[in-house]
């Protein structure tokens, strides 16, 4: 598997983990959804939130993947992967703090 394919798969999985962590933190009252569009959907339905979040990010990743012959699209995938990795570390930090607090 090429490195770019690993990045794409990682993005989709990290987005899924971000969505799950977000649901847990919001339900526990630890955090709020910062994206106003997704916050409105989350207030209505957790399943709707998951579907919309996964669809939006997956469509963005698909768009960049289809243009992977362009350096800017590859850079976009890399930056998005770094951002989601950072967000994952942030979620882990919240998890550690929540466990220590409990």
Protein backbone atom coordinates (compact mmCIF):
# COMPACT_ATOMS: atom_id res chain seq x y z
CA UNK A 1 0.00 0.00 0.00
CA UNK A 2 1.38 3.40 -0.95
CA UNK A 3 1.99 6.08 1.65
CA UNK A 4 -0.77 8.23 0.16
CA UNK A 5 -3.28 5.38 0.54
CA UNK A 6 -2.24 5.01 4.18
CA UNK A 7 -2.85 8.74 4.66
CA UNK A 8 -6.32 8.49 3.08
CA UNK A 9 -7.34 5.47 5.18
CA UNK A 10 -5.92 7.17 8.28
CA UNK A 11 -7.98 10.28 7.58
CA UNK A 12 -11.22 8.34 7.38
CA UNK A 13 -10.45 6.35 10.54
CA UNK A 14 -9.30 9.41 12.47
CA UNK A 15 -12.48 11.23 11.44
CA UNK A 16 -14.52 8.32 12.77
CA UNK A 17 -12.61 8.40 16.06
CA UNK A 18 -13.06 12.18 16.28
CA UNK A 19 -16.81 11.75 15.81
CA UNK A 20 -17.03 9.05 18.50
CA UNK A 21 -14.93 11.01 20.98
CA UNK A 22 -17.01 14.12 20.27
CA UNK A 23 -20.22 12.24 20.98
CA UNK A 24 -18.82 10.91 24.25
CA UNK A 25 -17.47 14.30 25.41
CA UNK A 26 -20.64 16.18 24.51
CA UNK A 27 -22.85 13.56 26.17
CA UNK A 28 -20.66 13.69 29.30
CA UNK A 29 -20.82 17.50 29.36
CA UNK A 30 -17.04 17.77 28.98
CA UNK A 31 -17.04 19.58 25.63
CA UNK A 32 -19.20 21.19 22.99
CA UNK A 33 -19.14 20.73 19.22
CA UNK A 34 -17.25 23.74 17.83
CA UNK A 35 -18.59 23.44 14.27
CA UNK A 36 -21.89 25.32 14.20
CA UNK A 37 -23.34 23.22 11.37
CA UNK A 38 -22.49 19.95 13.09
CA UNK A 39 -23.53 21.28 16.50
CA UNK A 40 -27.03 21.90 15.19
CA UNK A 41 -27.20 18.41 13.74
CA UNK A 42 -25.76 16.87 16.90
CA UNK A 43 -28.43 18.57 19.00
CA UNK A 44 -31.04 16.81 16.87
CA UNK A 45 -29.52 13.36 16.33
CA UNK A 46 -26.30 11.55 17.15
CA UNK A 47 -26.76 9.29 14.14
CA UNK A 48 -27.36 12.27 11.88
CA UNK A 49 -24.23 13.89 13.27
CA UNK A 50 -22.18 10.78 12.54
CA UNK A 51 -23.57 10.44 9.01
CA UNK A 52 -23.04 14.08 8.07
CA UNK A 53 -19.57 14.28 9.62
CA UNK A 54 -18.40 11.08 7.95
CA UNK A 55 -19.94 12.10 4.62
CA UNK A 56 -18.44 15.60 4.56
CA UNK A 57 -14.91 14.52 5.42
CA UNK A 58 -15.07 11.45 3.18
CA UNK A 59 -16.24 13.55 0.23
CA UNK A 60 -13.39 15.99 0.84
CA UNK A 61 -10.89 13.16 1.00
CA UNK A 62 -12.36 11.64 -2.17
CA UNK A 63 -12.04 14.97 -3.99
CA UNK A 64 -8.39 15.29 -2.98
CA UNK A 65 -7.74 11.64 -3.83
CA UNK A 66 -9.15 12.10 -7.33
CA UNK A 67 -6.71 14.98 -7.83
CA UNK A 68 -3.75 13.19 -6.28
CA UNK A 69 -1.71 13.89 -9.40
CA UNK A 70 -1.62 17.54 -8.28
CA UNK A 71 0.90 18.48 -5.59
CA UNK A 72 -1.55 20.79 -3.84
CA UNK A 73 -4.08 17.93 -3.40
CA UNK A 74 -1.38 15.69 -1.93
CA UNK A 75 -0.33 18.52 0.39
CA UNK A 76 -3.97 18.97 1.41
CA UNK A 77 -4.24 15.29 2.32
CA UNK A 78 -1.04 15.54 4.33
CA UNK A 79 -2.14 18.66 6.20
CA UNK A 80 -5.56 17.15 6.93
CA UNK A 81 -3.92 13.98 8.23
CA UNK A 82 -1.63 16.00 10.51
CA UNK A 83 -4.60 18.00 11.76
CA UNK A 84 -6.64 14.87 12.54
CA UNK A 85 -3.64 13.25 14.24
CA UNK A 86 -3.27 16.35 16.42
CA UNK A 87 -6.98 16.26 17.19
CA UNK A 88 -6.68 12.59 18.15
CA UNK A 89 -3.87 13.42 20.59
CA UNK A 90 -6.06 16.20 22.00
CA UNK A 91 -8.92 13.72 22.51
CA UNK A 92 -6.55 11.32 24.25
CA UNK A 93 -5.48 14.16 26.55
CA UNK A 94 -9.11 14.81 27.46
CA UNK A 95 -9.59 11.09 28.09
CA UNK A 96 -6.59 10.98 30.43
CA UNK A 97 -7.80 14.07 32.30
CA UNK A 98 -11.31 12.62 32.59
CA UNK A 99 -9.97 9.37 34.02
CA UNK A 100 -7.69 11.20 36.48
CA UNK A 101 -10.56 13.46 37.56
CA UNK A 102 -12.92 10.54 38.16
